[in-house]
Structure formats: C-alpha cells, structure tokens
Amino acid sequence: MSSVKDSVDSLRIEYNLWQGLLLNCKEKPENCSQDDHWTLKDVLAHLTSWQELTLARLIAARLDEEPEYPEWFPGEDPETDEATDQVNAKIYQTFKNLSLGEIKTQWEQRFSEILLVCSLISEQEFSEPDRYKWLNGYPLIAVLDGTLEHHREHRDLITGKKNLSH
C-alpha cells in the first residue's frame, strides 16, 4: 500500500500529464479518441463524473458520515460490465450538451477539490482498513489509488499505450 503523500503526489503528476495531453489534443484533436470511439470530451466527462464519487467519499471520510453520491450513481460500484455500461450511459446523458471547455473546467475543479480534501485527512484515516463501513473493508487510500489508476487507464487508451499495469 502506498503512503498518502505518494498517492497525492502521483495524483498531482497525473493531473499534469492530463493537462499536457489536453494541450496536445487541442493542437491535434484527431489523435485524441479511444479505441471504443469515445471522444476526448466523452472521456473527460466520464472521468469528471467518477471524480465526483472520489470527492464524495473523501468528504464523507473527513466528516465521518456516509457519502452523498450524485444522482447518476446507483449507490454501489457496478459489479458487471452491463451495470457499468448503464452507469456510463447516464454519465454521457448528463454531459452530452456541455462543451469540452465546460467539462474540462469541471474536471479541473474536481481534481483541485480532491487534492484539497486530501490535505485535511490524516495518514491514519487514509490507512486504516474497516474505518469506513461504506468502503467494505478497504482503507480510504484505495479511493485515491483507484482514481489514479482510472485516469492512467484512460490516458493510456488515448495515447495508445496498451500495457495498463502501473
């Protein structure tokens, strides 16, 4: 398990890598889709939505409460590809009328909020398994590691890297 500092530092690096990718995509948008035909806008909307869950969980941990999830989220992480596809379809519907610039602003805001809330949570709160019943035995650090891996996965799909192990 990584330390909180390592995870937060890795998130900051990933944020910067995404900022570079977004700049590059602005210059060459034809190179910025995924194999499954998601546009850059679709990918960023997807990541922004899942960042809402990360933020909800971090805030809940900070306040020692249950997370308040967004309406599009079914309450539990999808267990099947079909359930995940349904959640992603709801995300698409939520964001489809927004511009890439609007979505990018929301994504940046979520990322900043996540990093801010992380600074308010102790290493012990992040590391202790079973501390938050709504995490089903996982320590809170798993939330950070999950969002990092999610961003890496989609960045790798856009940049053409096929090896998704990090």
C-alpha atoms as a PDB file:
ATOM      1  CA  MET A   1       0.000   0.000   0.000  1.00  0.00           C
ATOM      2  CA  SER A   2       1.308   3.416  -0.885  1.00  0.00           C
ATOM      3  CA  SER A   3       1.620   6.290   1.535  1.00  0.00           C
ATOM      4  CA  VAL A   4      -0.839   9.149   1.338  1.00  0.00           C
ATOM      5  CA  LYS A   5       1.926  11.522   0.278  1.00  0.00           C
ATOM      6  CA  ASP A   6       2.951   9.151  -2.538  1.00  0.00           C
ATOM      7  CA  SER A   7      -0.645   8.805  -3.702  1.00  0.00           C
ATOM      8  CA  VAL A   8      -1.304  12.542  -3.623  1.00  0.00           C
ATOM      9  CA  ASP A   9       1.995  13.242  -5.384  1.00  0.00           C
ATOM     10  CA  SER A  10       1.083  10.657  -8.040  1.00  0.00           C
ATOM     11  CA  LEU A  11      -2.318  12.309  -8.481  1.00  0.00           C
ATOM     12  CA  ARG A  12      -0.642  15.682  -8.993  1.00  0.00           C
ATOM     13  CA  ILE A  13       1.682  14.174 -11.586  1.00  0.00           C
ATOM     14  CA  GLU A  14      -1.263  12.530 -13.334  1.00  0.00           C
ATOM     15  CA  TYR A  15      -3.127  15.853 -13.347  1.00  0.00           C
ATOM     16  CA  ASN A  16      -0.129  17.492 -15.023  1.00  0.00           C
ATOM     17  CA  LEU A  17       0.132  14.677 -17.562  1.00  0.00           C
ATOM     18  CA  TRP A  18      -3.533  15.172 -18.399  1.00  0.00           C
ATOM     19  CA  GLN A  19      -3.029  18.917 -18.760  1.00  0.00           C
ATOM     20  CA  GLY A  20      -0.253  18.186 -21.256  1.00  0.00           C
ATOM     21  CA  LEU A  21      -2.445  15.688 -23.073  1.00  0.00           C
ATOM     22  CA  LEU A  22      -5.286  18.209 -23.259  1.00  0.00           C
ATOM     23  CA  LEU A  23      -2.938  20.825 -24.710  1.00  0.00           C
ATOM     24  CA  ASN A  24      -1.639  18.331 -27.253  1.00  0.00           C
ATOM     25  CA  CYS A  25      -5.191  17.326 -28.144  1.00  0.00           C
ATOM     26  CA  LYS A  26      -6.127  20.936 -28.708  1.00  0.00           C
ATOM     27  CA  GLU A  27      -3.446  21.042 -31.410  1.00  0.00           C
ATOM     28  CA  LYS A  28      -4.190  17.586 -32.867  1.00  0.00           C
ATOM     29  CA  PRO A  29      -7.743  16.562 -31.853  1.00  0.00           C
ATOM     30  CA  GLU A  30      -7.812  13.728 -34.390  1.00  0.00           C
ATOM     31  CA  ASN A  31      -5.306  11.848 -32.194  1.00  0.00           C
ATOM     32  CA  CYS A  32      -7.419  12.087 -29.047  1.00  0.00           C
ATOM     33  CA  SER A  33     -10.072   9.407 -29.013  1.00  0.00           C
ATOM     34  CA  GLN A  34     -10.156   5.933 -27.532  1.00  0.00           C
ATOM     35  CA  ASP A  35     -10.397   2.574 -29.259  1.00  0.00           C
ATOM     36  CA  ASP A  36     -14.076   2.374 -28.288  1.00  0.00           C
ATOM     37  CA  HIS A  37     -14.803   5.618 -30.183  1.00  0.00           C
ATOM     38  CA  TRP A  38     -15.156   7.812 -27.120  1.00  0.00           C
ATOM     39  CA  THR A  39     -14.144  11.355 -27.926  1.00  0.00           C
ATOM     40  CA  LEU A  40     -11.865  13.316 -25.645  1.00  0.00           C
ATOM     41  CA  LYS A  41     -14.964  15.136 -24.382  1.00  0.00           C
ATOM     42  CA  ASP A  42     -16.622  11.783 -23.538  1.00  0.00           C
ATOM     43  CA  VAL A  43     -13.535  10.568 -21.683  1.00  0.00           C
ATOM     44  CA  LEU A  44     -13.139  13.765 -19.686  1.00  0.00           C
ATOM     45  CA  ALA A  45     -16.861  13.777 -18.793  1.00  0.00           C
ATOM     46  CA  HIS A  46     -16.528  10.154 -17.689  1.00  0.00           C
ATOM     47  CA  LEU A  47     -13.508  10.936 -15.503  1.00  0.00           C
ATOM     48  CA  THR A  48     -15.158  14.061 -14.090  1.00  0.00           C
ATOM     49  CA  SER A  49     -18.194  12.043 -13.041  1.00  0.00           C
ATOM     50  CA  TRP A  50     -16.168   9.356 -11.346  1.00  0.00           C
ATOM     51  CA  GLN A  51     -14.158  12.113  -9.640  1.00  0.00           C
ATOM     52  CA  GLU A  52     -17.483  13.191  -8.075  1.00  0.00           C
ATOM     53  CA  LEU A  53     -17.560   9.800  -6.335  1.00  0.00           C
ATOM     54  CA  THR A  54     -13.993  10.144  -5.168  1.00  0.00           C
ATOM     55  CA  LEU A  55     -14.766  13.577  -3.762  1.00  0.00           C
ATOM     56  CA  ALA A  56     -17.990  12.383  -2.108  1.00  0.00           C
ATOM     57  CA  ARG A  57     -16.078   9.593  -0.383  1.00  0.00           C
ATOM     58  CA  LEU A  58     -13.256  11.871   0.758  1.00  0.00           C
ATOM     59  CA  ILE A  59     -15.699  14.447   2.141  1.00  0.00           C
ATOM     60  CA  ALA A  60     -17.658  11.704   3.888  1.00  0.00           C
ATOM     61  CA  ALA A  61     -14.458  10.424   5.468  1.00  0.00           C
ATOM     62  CA  ARG A  62     -13.479  13.917   6.579  1.00  0.00           C
ATOM     63  CA  LEU A  63     -16.911  14.476   8.159  1.00  0.00           C
ATOM     64  CA  ASP A  64     -17.212  10.873   9.386  1.00  0.00           C
ATOM     65  CA  GLU A  65     -20.522  10.454   7.567  1.00  0.00           C
ATOM     66  CA  GLU A  66     -21.986   8.366   4.768  1.00  0.00           C
ATOM     67  CA  PRO A  67     -21.109   9.623   1.267  1.00  0.00           C
ATOM     68  CA  GLU A  68     -23.677  11.722  -0.580  1.00  0.00           C
ATOM     69  CA  TYR A  69     -23.454  10.380  -4.097  1.00  0.00           C
ATOM     70  CA  PRO A  70     -24.633  12.178  -7.250  1.00  0.00           C
ATOM     71  CA  GLU A  71     -27.998  11.213  -8.729  1.00  0.00           C
ATOM     72  CA  TRP A  72     -26.495   9.301 -11.647  1.00  0.00           C
ATOM     73  CA  PHE A  73     -24.713   6.869  -9.314  1.00  0.00           C
ATOM     74  CA  PRO A  74     -26.650   3.741  -8.277  1.00  0.00           C
ATOM     75  CA  GLY A  75     -25.202   3.762  -4.732  1.00  0.00           C
ATOM     76  CA  GLU A  76     -22.777   0.883  -5.151  1.00  0.00           C
ATOM     77  CA  ASP A  77     -19.994   0.381  -7.635  1.00  0.00           C
ATOM     78  CA  PRO A  78     -21.263  -1.629 -10.599  1.00  0.00           C
ATOM     79  CA  GLU A  79     -20.294  -5.288 -10.409  1.00  0.00           C
ATOM     80  CA  THR A  80     -20.834  -6.222 -14.062  1.00  0.00           C
ATOM     81  CA  ASP A  81     -19.890  -4.781 -17.429  1.00  0.00           C
ATOM     82  CA  GLU A  82     -23.604  -4.324 -18.176  1.00  0.00           C
ATOM     83  CA  ALA A  83     -24.147  -2.317 -14.977  1.00  0.00           C
ATOM     84  CA  THR A  84     -21.037  -0.248 -15.690  1.00  0.00           C
ATOM     85  CA  ASP A  85     -22.309   0.432 -19.211  1.00  0.00           C
ATOM     86  CA  GLN A  86     -25.627   1.642 -17.756  1.00  0.00           C
ATOM     87  CA  VAL A  87     -23.844   3.997 -15.359  1.00  0.00           C
ATOM     88  CA  ASN A  88     -21.618   5.292 -18.155  1.00  0.00           C
ATOM     89  CA  ALA A  89     -24.701   5.870 -20.329  1.00  0.00           C
ATOM     90  CA  LYS A  90     -26.184   8.022 -17.545  1.00  0.00           C
ATOM     91  CA  ILE A  91     -22.920   9.952 -17.366  1.00  0.00           C
ATOM     92  CA  TYR A  92     -22.996  10.508 -21.132  1.00  0.00           C
ATOM     93  CA  GLN A  93     -26.576  11.817 -20.936  1.00  0.00           C
ATOM     94  CA  THR A  94     -25.618  14.183 -18.115  1.00  0.00           C
ATOM     95  CA  PHE A  95     -22.719  15.763 -20.027  1.00  0.00           C
ATOM     96  CA  LYS A  96     -23.650  15.433 -23.706  1.00  0.00           C
ATOM     97  CA  ASN A  97     -24.836  19.042 -24.086  1.00  0.00           C
ATOM     98  CA  LEU A  98     -21.776  20.603 -22.453  1.00  0.00           C
ATOM     99  CA  SER A  99     -18.734  21.762 -24.380  1.00  0.00           C
ATOM    100  CA  LEU A 100     -15.301  20.257 -23.903  1.00  0.00           C
ATOM    101  CA  GLY A 101     -14.237  23.528 -22.255  1.00  0.00           C
ATOM    102  CA  GLU A 102     -17.087  23.338 -19.721  1.00  0.00           C
ATOM    103  CA  ILE A 103     -16.287  19.727 -18.924  1.00  0.00           C
ATOM    104  CA  LYS A 104     -12.571  20.485 -18.623  1.00  0.00           C
ATOM    105  CA  THR A 105     -13.357  23.241 -16.112  1.00  0.00           C
ATOM    106  CA  GLN A 106     -15.449  20.826 -14.031  1.00  0.00           C
ATOM    107  CA  TRP A 107     -12.739  18.167 -14.212  1.00  0.00           C
ATOM    108  CA  GLU A 108     -10.094  20.659 -13.041  1.00  0.00           C
ATOM    109  CA  GLN A 109     -12.379  21.782 -10.218  1.00  0.00           C
ATOM    110  CA  ARG A 110     -12.990  18.203  -9.026  1.00  0.00           C
ATOM    111  CA  PHE A 111      -9.288  17.426  -9.139  1.00  0.00           C
ATOM    112  CA  SER A 112      -8.457  20.560  -7.116  1.00  0.00           C
ATOM    113  CA  GLU A 113     -11.155  19.763  -4.565  1.00  0.00           C
ATOM    114  CA  ILE A 114      -9.889  16.204  -4.183  1.00  0.00           C
ATOM    115  CA  LEU A 115      -6.346  17.409  -3.534  1.00  0.00           C
ATOM    116  CA  LEU A 116      -7.625  19.984  -1.034  1.00  0.00           C
ATOM    117  CA  VAL A 117      -9.730  17.496   0.914  1.00  0.00           C
ATOM    118  CA  CYS A 118      -6.798  15.049   0.957  1.00  0.00           C
ATOM    119  CA  SER A 119      -4.782  17.657   2.842  1.00  0.00           C
ATOM    120  CA  LEU A 120      -7.452  17.641   5.582  1.00  0.00           C
ATOM    121  CA  ILE A 121      -7.377  13.893   6.214  1.00  0.00           C
ATOM    122  CA  SER A 122      -4.733  12.205   8.335  1.00  0.00           C
ATOM    123  CA  GLU A 123      -2.490   9.353   7.240  1.00  0.00           C
ATOM    124  CA  GLN A 124      -4.209   7.161   9.830  1.00  0.00           C
ATOM    125  CA  GLU A 125      -7.668   7.980   8.453  1.00  0.00           C
ATOM    126  CA  PHE A 126      -6.454   7.059   4.973  1.00  0.00           C
ATOM    127  CA  SER A 127      -4.683   3.870   6.014  1.00  0.00           C
ATOM    128  CA  GLU A 128      -6.987   2.163   8.486  1.00  0.00           C
ATOM    129  CA  PRO A 129      -8.949  -0.742   6.944  1.00  0.00           C
ATOM    130  CA  ASP A 130     -12.581  -1.076   8.054  1.00  0.00           C
ATOM    131  CA  ARG A 131     -12.650   2.522   9.310  1.00  0.00           C
ATOM    132  CA  TYR A 132     -15.434   3.437   6.876  1.00  0.00           C
ATOM    133  CA  LYS A 133     -18.107   0.743   6.581  1.00  0.00           C
ATOM    134  CA  TRP A 134     -19.170   2.067   3.161  1.00  0.00           C
ATOM    135  CA  LEU A 135     -15.746   1.069   1.781  1.00  0.00           C
ATOM    136  CA  ASN A 136     -16.377  -2.618   2.510  1.00  0.00           C
ATOM    137  CA  GLY A 137     -13.120  -3.193   4.373  1.00  0.00           C
ATOM    138  CA  TYR A 138     -10.882  -1.144   2.085  1.00  0.00           C
ATOM    139  CA  PRO A 139      -8.824   1.709   3.504  1.00  0.00           C
ATOM    140  CA  LEU A 140      -9.588   5.198   2.207  1.00  0.00           C
ATOM    141  CA  ILE A 141      -6.244   5.275   0.353  1.00  0.00           C
ATOM    142  CA  ALA A 142      -7.808   2.777  -2.083  1.00  0.00           C
ATOM    143  CA  VAL A 143     -10.114   5.589  -3.257  1.00  0.00           C
ATOM    144  CA  LEU A 144      -7.108   7.716  -4.242  1.00  0.00           C
ATOM    145  CA  ASP A 145      -5.320   4.800  -5.837  1.00  0.00           C
ATOM    146  CA  GLY A 146      -8.491   3.923  -7.764  1.00  0.00           C
ATOM    147  CA  THR A 147      -8.907   7.396  -9.212  1.00  0.00           C
ATOM    148  CA  LEU A 148      -5.234   7.479 -10.158  1.00  0.00           C
ATOM    149  CA  GLU A 149      -5.477   4.140 -11.966  1.00  0.00           C
ATOM    150  CA  HIS A 150      -8.686   5.232 -13.687  1.00  0.00           C
ATOM    151  CA  HIS A 151      -7.009   8.338 -15.083  1.00  0.00           C
ATOM    152  CA  ARG A 152      -3.951   6.355 -16.146  1.00  0.00           C
ATOM    153  CA  GLU A 153      -6.095   3.764 -17.885  1.00  0.00           C
ATOM    154  CA  HIS A 154      -7.923   6.351 -19.989  1.00  0.00           C
ATOM    155  CA  ARG A 155      -4.775   8.369 -20.688  1.00  0.00           C
ATOM    156  CA  ASP A 156      -3.060   5.211 -21.889  1.00  0.00           C
ATOM    157  CA  LEU A 157      -6.022   4.398 -24.147  1.00  0.00           C
ATOM    158  CA  ILE A 158      -5.828   7.852 -25.716  1.00  0.00           C
ATOM    159  CA  THR A 159      -2.070   7.870 -26.115  1.00  0.00           C
ATOM    160  CA  GLY A 160      -2.057   4.333 -27.496  1.00  0.00           C
ATOM    161  CA  LYS A 161      -0.277   2.536 -24.692  1.00  0.00           C
ATOM    162  CA  LYS A 162      -1.679  -0.951 -24.386  1.00  0.00           C
ATOM    163  CA  ASN A 163       0.120  -2.040 -21.216  1.00  0.00           C
ATOM    164  CA  LEU A 164      -2.166  -0.784 -18.456  1.00  0.00           C
ATOM    165  CA  SER A 165      -0.198  -2.108 -15.495  1.00  0.00           C
ATOM    166  CA  HIS A 166       1.225   0.639 -13.311  1.00  0.00           C
END
